[in-house]
PDB file of all heavy atoms in Angstrom:
ATOM      1  N   GLU A   1     100.341  53.577  64.936  1.00  0.00           N
ATOM      2  CA  GLU A   1      99.779  52.213  64.763  1.00  0.00           C
ATOM      3  C   GLU A   1     100.659  51.224  65.555  1.00  0.00           C
ATOM      4  O   GLU A   1     100.110  50.235  66.143  1.00  0.00           O
ATOM      5  CB  GLU A   1      99.721  51.801  63.310  1.00  0.00           C
ATOM      6  CG  GLU A   1      98.675  52.647  62.563  1.00  0.00           C
ATOM      7  CD  GLU A   1      98.491  52.237  61.110  1.00  0.00           C
ATOM      8  OE1 GLU A   1      99.376  51.454  60.611  1.00  0.00           O
ATOM      9  OE2 GLU A   1      97.560  52.723  60.462  1.00  0.00           O
ATOM     10  N   ALA A   2     101.903  51.376  65.607  1.00  0.00           N
ATOM     11  CA  ALA A   2     102.750  50.535  66.379  1.00  0.00           C
ATOM     12  C   ALA A   2     102.331  50.576  67.908  1.00  0.00           C
ATOM     13  O   ALA A   2     102.279  49.592  68.563  1.00  0.00           O
ATOM     14  CB  ALA A   2     104.259  50.850  66.210  1.00  0.00           C
ATOM     15  N   ASP A   3     102.163  51.750  68.308  1.00  0.00           N
ATOM     16  CA  ASP A   3     101.772  51.998  69.704  1.00  0.00           C
ATOM     17  C   ASP A   3     100.483  51.305  70.072  1.00  0.00           C
ATOM     18  O   ASP A   3     100.260  50.729  71.082  1.00  0.00           O
ATOM     19  CB  ASP A   3     101.717  53.506  70.002  1.00  0.00           C
ATOM     20  CG  ASP A   3     101.432  53.803  71.532  1.00  0.00           C
ATOM     21  OD1 ASP A   3     102.079  53.191  72.382  1.00  0.00           O
ATOM     22  OD2 ASP A   3     100.499  54.677  71.753  1.00  0.00           O
ATOM     23  N   GLU A   4      99.504  51.461  69.098  1.00  0.00           N
ATOM     24  CA  GLU A   4      98.215  50.933  69.293  1.00  0.00           C
ATOM     25  C   GLU A   4      98.261  49.345  69.337  1.00  0.00           C
ATOM     26  O   GLU A   4      97.449  48.743  69.987  1.00  0.00           O
ATOM     27  CB  GLU A   4      97.235  51.407  68.210  1.00  0.00           C
ATOM     28  CG  GLU A   4      96.840  52.829  68.288  1.00  0.00           C
ATOM     29  CD  GLU A   4      95.955  53.272  67.282  1.00  0.00           C
ATOM     30  OE1 GLU A   4      95.921  52.600  66.104  1.00  0.00           O
ATOM     31  OE2 GLU A   4      95.252  54.288  67.404  1.00  0.00           O
ATOM     32  N   ARG A   5      99.251  48.795  68.695  1.00  0.00           N
ATOM     33  CA  ARG A   5      99.420  47.355  68.713  1.00  0.00           C
ATOM     34  C   ARG A   5     100.202  46.863  69.938  1.00  0.00           C
ATOM     35  O   ARG A   5     100.507  45.719  70.100  1.00  0.00           O
ATOM     36  CB  ARG A   5     100.121  46.879  67.456  1.00  0.00           C
ATOM     37  CG  ARG A   5      99.382  47.079  66.135  1.00  0.00           C
ATOM     38  CD  ARG A   5      99.991  46.318  65.002  1.00  0.00           C
ATOM     39  NE  ARG A   5     101.409  46.669  64.770  1.00  0.00           N
ATOM     40  CZ  ARG A   5     101.790  47.623  63.987  1.00  0.00           C
ATOM     41  NH1 ARG A   5     100.865  48.367  63.343  1.00  0.00           N
ATOM     42  NH2 ARG A   5     103.059  47.923  63.817  1.00  0.00           N
ATOM     43  N   GLY A   6     100.659  47.798  70.762  1.00  0.00           N
ATOM     44  CA  GLY A   6     101.413  47.493  71.937  1.00  0.00           C
ATOM     45  C   GLY A   6     102.835  47.243  71.678  1.00  0.00           C
ATOM     46  O   GLY A   6     103.616  46.647  72.372  1.00  0.00           O
ATOM     47  N   GLU A   7     103.364  47.650  70.438  1.00  0.00           N
ATOM     48  CA  GLU A   7     104.760  47.552  70.035  1.00  0.00           C
ATOM     49  C   GLU A   7     105.577  48.750  70.247  1.00  0.00           C
ATOM     50  O   GLU A   7     104.924  49.922  70.363  1.00  0.00           O
ATOM     51  CB  GLU A   7     104.781  47.130  68.546  1.00  0.00           C
ATOM     52  CG  GLU A   7     104.024  45.858  68.175  1.00  0.00           C
ATOM     53  CD  GLU A   7     103.883  45.627  66.655  1.00  0.00           C
ATOM     54  OE1 GLU A   7     104.531  46.470  66.023  1.00  0.00           O
ATOM     55  OE2 GLU A   7     103.280  44.611  66.313  1.00  0.00           O
ATOM     56  N   ALA A   8     106.816  48.607  70.345  1.00  0.00           N
ATOM     57  CA  ALA A   8     107.689  49.828  70.398  1.00  0.00           C
ATOM     58  C   ALA A   8     107.652  50.660  69.040  1.00  0.00           C
ATOM     59  O   ALA A   8     107.612  50.042  68.045  1.00  0.00           O
ATOM     60  CB  ALA A   8     109.129  49.409  70.668  1.00  0.00           C
ATOM     61  N   MET A   9     107.579  51.919  69.315  1.00  0.00           N
ATOM     62  CA  MET A   9     107.660  52.774  68.054  1.00  0.00           C
ATOM     63  C   MET A   9     109.003  52.643  67.367  1.00  0.00           C
ATOM     64  O   MET A   9     109.985  52.420  68.061  1.00  0.00           O
ATOM     65  CB  MET A   9     107.432  54.198  68.441  1.00  0.00           C
ATOM     66  CG  MET A   9     106.017  54.551  68.844  1.00  0.00           C
ATOM     67  SD  MET A   9     105.860  56.372  69.156  1.00  0.00           S
ATOM     68  CE  MET A   9     104.088  56.416  69.667  1.00  0.00           C
ATOM     69  N   PRO A  10     108.987  52.806  66.051  1.00  0.00           N
ATOM     70  CA  PRO A  10     110.241  52.797  65.324  1.00  0.00           C
ATOM     71  C   PRO A  10     111.312  53.782  65.918  1.00  0.00           C
ATOM     72  O   PRO A  10     110.944  54.769  66.368  1.00  0.00           O
ATOM     73  CB  PRO A  10     109.896  53.143  63.859  1.00  0.00           C
ATOM     74  CG  PRO A  10     108.516  52.653  63.756  1.00  0.00           C
ATOM     75  CD  PRO A  10     107.934  52.967  65.115  1.00  0.00           C
ATOM     76  N   HIS A  11     112.585  53.435  65.886  1.00  0.00           N
ATOM     77  CA  HIS A  11     113.684  54.169  66.440  1.00  0.00           C
ATOM     78  C   HIS A  11     113.682  55.673  65.838  1.00  0.00           C
ATOM     79  O   HIS A  11     113.910  56.598  66.515  1.00  0.00           O
ATOM     80  CB  HIS A  11     114.989  53.465  66.226  1.00  0.00           C
ATOM     81  CG  HIS A  11     116.112  54.266  66.790  1.00  0.00           C
ATOM     82  ND1 HIS A  11     116.889  55.167  65.973  1.00  0.00           N
ATOM     83  CD2 HIS A  11     116.714  54.250  67.986  1.00  0.00           C
ATOM     84  CE1 HIS A  11     117.895  55.707  66.771  1.00  0.00           C
ATOM     85  NE2 HIS A  11     117.770  55.130  67.983  1.00  0.00           N
ATOM     86  N   PHE A  12     113.327  55.711  64.574  1.00  0.00           N
ATOM     87  CA  PHE A  12     113.385  56.967  63.859  1.00  0.00           C
ATOM     88  C   PHE A  12     112.452  58.025  64.599  1.00  0.00           C
ATOM     89  O   PHE A  12     112.837  59.135  64.837  1.00  0.00           O
ATOM     90  CB  PHE A  12     112.904  56.800  62.438  1.00  0.00           C
ATOM     91  CG  PHE A  12     112.679  58.105  61.719  1.00  0.00           C
ATOM     92  CD1 PHE A  12     113.755  58.825  61.107  1.00  0.00           C
ATOM     93  CD2 PHE A  12     111.379  58.683  61.593  1.00  0.00           C
ATOM     94  CE1 PHE A  12     113.614  60.017  60.458  1.00  0.00           C
ATOM     95  CE2 PHE A  12     111.207  59.880  60.898  1.00  0.00           C
ATOM     96  CZ  PHE A  12     112.276  60.583  60.387  1.00  0.00           C
ATOM     97  N   PHE A  13     111.301  57.519  65.026  1.00  0.00           N
ATOM     98  CA  PHE A  13     110.244  58.416  65.655  1.00  0.00           C
ATOM     99  C   PHE A  13     110.725  58.773  67.038  1.00  0.00           C
ATOM    100  O   PHE A  13     110.830  59.940  67.428  1.00  0.00           O
ATOM    101  CB  PHE A  13     108.951  57.777  65.670  1.00  0.00           C
ATOM    102  CG  PHE A  13     108.207  57.840  64.339  1.00  0.00           C
ATOM    103  CD1 PHE A  13     108.296  56.626  63.571  1.00  0.00           C
ATOM    104  CD2 PHE A  13     107.610  58.875  63.851  1.00  0.00           C
ATOM    105  CE1 PHE A  13     107.599  56.574  62.348  1.00  0.00           C
ATOM    106  CE2 PHE A  13     106.969  58.838  62.591  1.00  0.00           C
ATOM    107  CZ  PHE A  13     106.984  57.662  61.835  1.00  0.00           C
ATOM    108  N   ARG A  14     111.150  57.772  67.846  1.00  0.00           N
ATOM    109  CA  ARG A  14     111.451  57.941  69.234  1.00  0.00           C
ATOM    110  C   ARG A  14     112.745  58.749  69.343  1.00  0.00           C
ATOM    111  O   ARG A  14     112.891  59.661  70.180  1.00  0.00           O
ATOM    112  CB  ARG A  14     111.713  56.577  69.928  1.00  0.00           C
ATOM    113  CG  ARG A  14     110.372  55.824  70.108  1.00  0.00           C
ATOM    114  CD  ARG A  14     110.627  54.682  71.120  1.00  0.00           C
ATOM    115  NE  ARG A  14     111.150  55.151  72.363  1.00  0.00           N
ATOM    116  CZ  ARG A  14     110.389  55.683  73.351  1.00  0.00           C
ATOM    117  NH1 ARG A  14     109.130  55.720  73.165  1.00  0.00           N
ATOM    118  NH2 ARG A  14     111.033  56.022  74.517  1.00  0.00           N
ATOM    119  N   HIS A  15     113.753  58.473  68.494  1.00  0.00           N
ATOM    120  CA  HIS A  15     115.027  59.142  68.758  1.00  0.00           C
ATOM    121  C   HIS A  15     115.255  60.354  67.812  1.00  0.00           C
ATOM    122  O   HIS A  15     115.654  61.413  68.311  1.00  0.00           O
ATOM    123  CB  HIS A  15     116.169  58.100  68.485  1.00  0.00           C
ATOM    124  CG  HIS A  15     117.472  58.490  69.068  1.00  0.00           C
ATOM    125  ND1 HIS A  15     117.746  58.357  70.408  1.00  0.00           N
ATOM    126  CD2 HIS A  15     118.550  59.051  68.395  1.00  0.00           C
ATOM    127  CE1 HIS A  15     119.035  58.928  70.613  1.00  0.00           C
ATOM    128  NE2 HIS A  15     119.473  59.279  69.429  1.00  0.00           N
ATOM    129  N   GLU A  16     115.022  60.213  66.523  1.00  0.00           N
ATOM    130  CA  GLU A  16     115.294  61.325  65.653  1.00  0.00           C
ATOM    131  C   GLU A  16     114.334  62.433  65.762  1.00  0.00           C
ATOM    132  O   GLU A  16     114.636  63.631  65.702  1.00  0.00           O
ATOM    133  CB  GLU A  16     115.330  60.831  64.183  1.00  0.00           C
ATOM    134  CG  GLU A  16     116.356  59.698  63.899  1.00  0.00           C
ATOM    135  CD  GLU A  16     117.794  60.101  64.188  1.00  0.00           C
ATOM    136  OE1 GLU A  16     118.032  61.334  63.924  1.00  0.00           O
ATOM    137  OE2 GLU A  16     118.567  59.273  64.627  1.00  0.00           O
ATOM    138  N   LEU A  17     113.041  62.089  66.022  1.00  0.00           N
ATOM    139  CA  LEU A  17     111.984  63.083  66.136  1.00  0.00           C
ATOM    140  C   LEU A  17     111.649  63.375  67.569  1.00  0.00           C
ATOM    141  O   LEU A  17     110.966  64.428  67.763  1.00  0.00           O
ATOM    142  CB  LEU A  17     110.731  62.671  65.321  1.00  0.00           C
ATOM    143  CG  LEU A  17     110.786  62.539  63.814  1.00  0.00           C
ATOM    144  CD1 LEU A  17     109.479  61.989  63.259  1.00  0.00           C
ATOM    145  CD2 LEU A  17     111.221  63.809  63.218  1.00  0.00           C
ATOM    146  N   GLY A  18     112.036  62.638  68.463  1.00  0.00           N
ATOM    147  CA  GLY A  18     111.590  62.820  69.836  1.00  0.00           C
ATOM    148  C   GLY A  18     110.128  62.592  70.008  1.00  0.00           C
ATOM    149  O   GLY A  18     109.464  63.447  70.780  1.00  0.00           O
ATOM    150  N   PHE A  19     109.528  61.689  69.266  1.00  0.00           N
ATOM    151  CA  PHE A  19     108.085  61.434  69.361  1.00  0.00           C
ATOM    152  C   PHE A  19     107.819  60.008  69.929  1.00  0.00           C
ATOM    153  O   PHE A  19     108.388  59.098  69.549  1.00  0.00           O
ATOM    154  CB  PHE A  19     107.551  61.445  67.878  1.00  0.00           C
ATOM    155  CG  PHE A  19     106.038  61.169  67.749  1.00  0.00           C
ATOM    156  CD1 PHE A  19     105.122  62.161  67.890  1.00  0.00           C
ATOM    157  CD2 PHE A  19     105.572  59.851  67.542  1.00  0.00           C
ATOM    158  CE1 PHE A  19     103.777  61.929  67.754  1.00  0.00           C
ATOM    159  CE2 PHE A  19     104.205  59.643  67.431  1.00  0.00           C
ATOM    160  CZ  PHE A  19     103.351  60.674  67.519  1.00  0.00           C
ATOM    161  N   GLY A  20     106.932  60.036  70.997  1.00  0.00           N
ATOM    162  CA  GLY A  20     106.788  58.782  71.716  1.00  0.00           C
ATOM    163  C   GLY A  20     105.382  58.608  72.267  1.00  0.00           C
ATOM    164  O   GLY A  20     104.464  59.160  71.677  1.00  0.00           O
ATOM    165  N   THR A  21     105.285  58.047  73.403  1.00  0.00           N
ATOM    166  CA  THR A  21     104.025  57.735  74.010  1.00  0.00           C
ATOM    167  C   THR A  21     103.704  58.745  75.133  1.00  0.00           C
ATOM    168  O   THR A  21     104.556  59.440  75.530  1.00  0.00           O
ATOM    169  CB  THR A  21     103.988  56.325  74.580  1.00  0.00           C
ATOM    170  OG1 THR A  21     104.868  56.263  75.713  1.00  0.00           O
ATOM    171  CG2 THR A  21     104.405  55.318  73.628  1.00  0.00           C
ATOM    172  N   ALA A  22     102.506  58.717  75.641  1.00  0.00           N
ATOM    173  CA  ALA A  22     102.157  59.538  76.771  1.00  0.00           C
ATOM    174  C   ALA A  22     102.994  59.226  78.003  1.00  0.00           C
ATOM    175  O   ALA A  22     103.423  60.171  78.767  1.00  0.00           O
ATOM    176  CB  ALA A  22     100.698  59.418  77.084  1.00  0.00           C
ATOM    177  N   ASP A  23     103.319  57.981  78.166  1.00  0.00           N
ATOM    178  CA  ASP A  23     104.118  57.596  79.343  1.00  0.00           C
ATOM    179  C   ASP A  23     105.543  58.220  79.256  1.00  0.00           C
ATOM    180  O   ASP A  23     106.205  58.420  80.301  1.00  0.00           O
ATOM    181  CB  ASP A  23     104.243  56.049  79.495  1.00  0.00           C
ATOM    182  CG  ASP A  23     102.889  55.449  79.853  1.00  0.00           C
ATOM    183  OD1 ASP A  23     102.096  56.156  80.480  1.00  0.00           O
ATOM    184  OD2 ASP A  23     102.712  54.334  79.613  1.00  0.00           O
ATOM    185  N   ASP A  24     106.038  58.495  78.074  1.00  0.00           N
ATOM    186  CA  ASP A  24     107.388  59.081  77.872  1.00  0.00           C
ATOM    187  C   ASP A  24     107.461  60.493  78.529  1.00  0.00           C
ATOM    188  O   ASP A  24     108.456  60.954  78.801  1.00  0.00           O
ATOM    189  CB  ASP A  24     107.772  59.150  76.439  1.00  0.00           C
ATOM    190  CG  ASP A  24     108.104  57.735  75.896  1.00  0.00           C
ATOM    191  OD1 ASP A  24     108.606  56.882  76.590  1.00  0.00           O
ATOM    192  OD2 ASP A  24     107.699  57.499  74.720  1.00  0.00           O
ATOM    193  N   VAL A  25     106.308  61.090  78.568  1.00  0.00           N
ATOM    194  CA  VAL A  25     106.210  62.568  79.099  1.00  0.00           C
ATOM    195  C   VAL A  25     105.878  62.511  80.562  1.00  0.00           C
ATOM    196  O   VAL A  25     106.332  63.463  81.319  1.00  0.00           O
ATOM    197  CB  VAL A  25     105.077  63.349  78.369  1.00  0.00           C
ATOM    198  CG1 VAL A  25     105.129  64.792  78.771  1.00  0.00           C
ATOM    199  CG2 VAL A  25     105.303  63.226  76.861  1.00  0.00           C
ATOM    200  N   ALA A  26     105.205  61.439  81.071  1.00  0.00           N
ATOM    201  CA  ALA A  26     104.736  61.429  82.467  1.00  0.00           C
ATOM    202  C   ALA A  26     105.813  61.547  83.509  1.00  0.00           C
ATOM    203  O   ALA A  26     105.630  62.125  84.567  1.00  0.00           O
ATOM    204  CB  ALA A  26     103.903  60.158  82.657  1.00  0.00           C
ATOM    205  N   GLY A  27     107.022  61.009  83.271  1.00  0.00           N
ATOM    206  CA  GLY A  27     108.091  61.061  84.166  1.00  0.00           C
ATOM    207  C   GLY A  27     108.472  62.447  84.449  1.00  0.00           C
ATOM    208  O   GLY A  27     108.908  62.749  85.588  1.00  0.00           O
ATOM    209  N   LEU A  28     108.548  63.221  83.428  1.00  0.00           N
ATOM    210  CA  LEU A  28     108.896  64.721  83.589  1.00  0.00           C
ATOM    211  C   LEU A  28     107.920  65.418  84.481  1.00  0.00           C
ATOM    212  O   LEU A  28     108.261  66.275  85.319  1.00  0.00           O
ATOM    213  CB  LEU A  28     109.024  65.411  82.241  1.00  0.00           C
ATOM    214  CG  LEU A  28     109.331  66.833  82.330  1.00  0.00           C
ATOM    215  CD1 LEU A  28     110.653  67.166  83.000  1.00  0.00           C
ATOM    216  CD2 LEU A  28     109.370  67.392  80.811  1.00  0.00           C
ATOM    217  N   ILE A  29     106.633  65.123  84.327  1.00  0.00           N
ATOM    218  CA  ILE A  29     105.515  65.690  85.126  1.00  0.00           C
ATOM    219  C   ILE A  29     105.805  65.370  86.568  1.00  0.00           C
ATOM    220  O   ILE A  29     105.837  66.254  87.491  1.00  0.00           O
ATOM    221  CB  ILE A  29     104.190  65.183  84.694  1.00  0.00           C
ATOM    222  CG1 ILE A  29     103.859  65.595  83.228  1.00  0.00           C
ATOM    223  CG2 ILE A  29     103.107  65.747  85.639  1.00  0.00           C
ATOM    224  CD1 ILE A  29     103.778  67.029  82.883  1.00  0.00           C
ATOM    225  N   ALA A  30     106.060  64.134  86.882  1.00  0.00           N
ATOM    226  CA  ALA A  30     106.318  63.704  88.225  1.00  0.00           C
ATOM    227  C   ALA A  30     107.529  64.350  88.881  1.00  0.00           C
ATOM    228  O   ALA A  30     107.566  64.716  90.007  1.00  0.00           O
ATOM    229  CB  ALA A  30     106.320  62.174  88.396  1.00  0.00           C
ATOM    230  N   PHE A  31     108.625  64.405  88.034  1.00  0.00           N
ATOM    231  CA  PHE A  31     109.817  64.991  88.512  1.00  0.00           C
ATOM    232  C   PHE A  31     109.630  66.454  88.846  1.00  0.00           C
ATOM    233  O   PHE A  31     110.085  66.927  89.957  1.00  0.00           O
ATOM    234  CB  PHE A  31     110.949  64.851  87.447  1.00  0.00           C
ATOM    235  CG  PHE A  31     112.146  65.697  87.781  1.00  0.00           C
ATOM    236  CD1 PHE A  31     113.026  65.375  88.728  1.00  0.00           C
ATOM    237  CD2 PHE A  31     112.413  66.835  86.944  1.00  0.00           C
ATOM    238  CE1 PHE A  31     114.181  66.158  88.975  1.00  0.00           C
ATOM    239  CE2 PHE A  31     113.481  67.649  87.270  1.00  0.00           C
ATOM    240  CZ  PHE A  31     114.416  67.336  88.287  1.00  0.00           C
ATOM    241  N   LEU A  32     109.011  67.218  87.981  1.00  0.00           N
ATOM    242  CA  LEU A  32     108.782  68.610  88.256  1.00  0.00           C
ATOM    243  C   LEU A  32     107.815  68.882  89.496  1.00  0.00           C
ATOM    244  O   LEU A  32     107.844  69.907  90.052  1.00  0.00           O
ATOM    245  CB  LEU A  32     108.191  69.355  86.976  1.00  0.00           C
ATOM    246  CG  LEU A  32     109.106  69.494  85.904  1.00  0.00           C
ATOM    247  CD1 LEU A  32     108.378  70.071  84.559  1.00  0.00           C
ATOM    248  CD2 LEU A  32     110.264  70.391  86.222  1.00  0.00           C
ATOM    249  N   ALA A  33     106.995  67.842  89.719  1.00  0.00           N
ATOM    250  CA  ALA A  33     106.115  67.936  90.941  1.00  0.00           C
ATOM    251  C   ALA A  33     106.786  67.625  92.258  1.00  0.00           C
ATOM    252  O   ALA A  33     106.369  67.835  93.308  1.00  0.00           O
ATOM    253  CB  ALA A  33     104.947  66.934  90.706  1.00  0.00           C
ATOM    254  N   SER A  34     108.102  67.077  92.174  1.00  0.00           N
ATOM    255  CA  SER A  34     108.766  66.652  93.405  1.00  0.00           C
ATOM    256  C   SER A  34     109.538  67.668  94.032  1.00  0.00           C
ATOM    257  O   SER A  34     109.834  68.776  93.442  1.00  0.00           O
ATOM    258  CB  SER A  34     109.668  65.469  92.899  1.00  0.00           C
ATOM    259  OG  SER A  34     110.852  65.935  92.236  1.00  0.00           O
ATOM    260  N   ASP A  35     110.029  67.399  95.260  1.00  0.00           N
ATOM    261  CA  ASP A  35     110.865  68.336  96.029  1.00  0.00           C
ATOM    262  C   ASP A  35     112.223  68.481  95.267  1.00  0.00           C
ATOM    263  O   ASP A  35     112.899  69.571  95.481  1.00  0.00           O
ATOM    264  CB  ASP A  35     111.025  67.830  97.461  1.00  0.00           C
ATOM    265  CG  ASP A  35     109.799  67.921  98.229  1.00  0.00           C
ATOM    266  OD1 ASP A  35     108.925  68.647  97.871  1.00  0.00           O
ATOM    267  OD2 ASP A  35     109.718  67.168  99.264  1.00  0.00           O
ATOM    268  N   ALA A  36     112.689  67.490  94.529  1.00  0.00           N
ATOM    269  CA  ALA A  36     113.883  67.577  93.819  1.00  0.00           C
ATOM    270  C   ALA A  36     114.001  68.694  92.802  1.00  0.00           C
ATOM    271  O   ALA A  36     115.010  69.145  92.406  1.00  0.00           O
ATOM    272  CB  ALA A  36     114.190  66.280  93.131  1.00  0.00           C
ATOM    273  N   ALA A  37     112.768  69.218  92.338  1.00  0.00           N
ATOM    274  CA  ALA A  37     112.699  70.244  91.366  1.00  0.00           C
ATOM    275  C   ALA A  37     112.377  71.604  91.993  1.00  0.00           C
ATOM    276  O   ALA A  37     112.003  72.512  91.232  1.00  0.00           O
ATOM    277  CB  ALA A  37     111.568  69.890  90.356  1.00  0.00           C
ATOM    278  N   ALA A  38     112.664  71.776  93.246  1.00  0.00           N
ATOM    279  CA  ALA A  38     112.409  72.988  93.924  1.00  0.00           C
ATOM    280  C   ALA A  38     113.102  74.180  93.355  1.00  0.00           C
ATOM    281  O   ALA A  38     112.672  75.408  93.419  1.00  0.00           O
ATOM    282  CB  ALA A  38     112.713  72.885  95.404  1.00  0.00           C
ATOM    283  N   GLY A  39     114.242  74.018  92.672  1.00  0.00           N
ATOM    284  CA  GLY A  39     115.017  75.051  92.084  1.00  0.00           C
ATOM    285  C   GLY A  39     114.771  75.288  90.625  1.00  0.00           C
ATOM    286  O   GLY A  39     115.456  76.130  89.992  1.00  0.00           O
ATOM    287  N   ILE A  40     113.775  74.598  90.014  1.00  0.00           N
ATOM    288  CA  ILE A  40     113.467  74.733  88.654  1.00  0.00           C
ATOM    289  C   ILE A  40     112.141  75.477  88.512  1.00  0.00           C
ATOM    290  O   ILE A  40     111.127  74.960  88.939  1.00  0.00           O
ATOM    291  CB  ILE A  40     113.299  73.354  87.979  1.00  0.00           C
ATOM    292  CG1 ILE A  40     114.655  72.493  88.206  1.00  0.00           C
ATOM    293  CG2 ILE A  40     113.050  73.450  86.508  1.00  0.00           C
ATOM    294  CD1 ILE A  40     114.529  71.077  87.791  1.00  0.00           C
ATOM    295  N   THR A  41     112.171  76.585  87.934  1.00  0.00           N
ATOM    296  CA  THR A  41     110.919  77.469  87.723  1.00  0.00           C
ATOM    297  C   THR A  41     111.107  78.323  86.539  1.00  0.00           C
ATOM    298  O   THR A  41     112.197  78.695  86.132  1.00  0.00           O
ATOM    299  CB  THR A  41     110.593  78.239  88.940  1.00  0.00           C
ATOM    300  OG1 THR A  41     109.263  78.713  88.913  1.00  0.00           O
ATOM    301  CG2 THR A  41     111.590  79.338  89.240  1.00  0.00           C
ATOM    302  N   GLY A  42     110.027  78.634  85.877  1.00  0.00           N
ATOM    303  CA  GLY A  42     109.911  79.569  84.755  1.00  0.00           C
ATOM    304  C   GLY A  42     110.490  78.912  83.541  1.00  0.00           C
ATOM    305  O   GLY A  42     110.824  79.612  82.493  1.00  0.00           O
ATOM    306  N   GLN A  43     110.532  77.573  83.387  1.00  0.00           N
ATOM    307  CA  GLN A  43     111.151  76.898  82.285  1.00  0.00           C
ATOM    308  C   GLN A  43     110.047  76.272  81.351  1.00  0.00           C
ATOM    309  O   GLN A  43     109.026  75.941  81.776  1.00  0.00           O
ATOM    310  CB  GLN A  43     112.127  75.815  82.732  1.00  0.00           C
ATOM    311  CG  GLN A  43     113.161  76.321  83.683  1.00  0.00           C
ATOM    312  CD  GLN A  43     114.029  77.446  83.025  1.00  0.00           C
ATOM    313  OE1 GLN A  43     114.608  77.217  81.966  1.00  0.00           O
ATOM    314  NE2 GLN A  43     114.119  78.589  83.667  1.00  0.00           N
TER     315      GLN A  43
END
């Protein structure tokens, strides 16, 4: 509900549970797609 209101999620969710928004995952997708991740596979 905080996310839907455009507010930051409570720290408990983001930090203690590692639960966030879709954008929090998107950076990892772009990183693994890059040339910088050429040595990362099978993970």
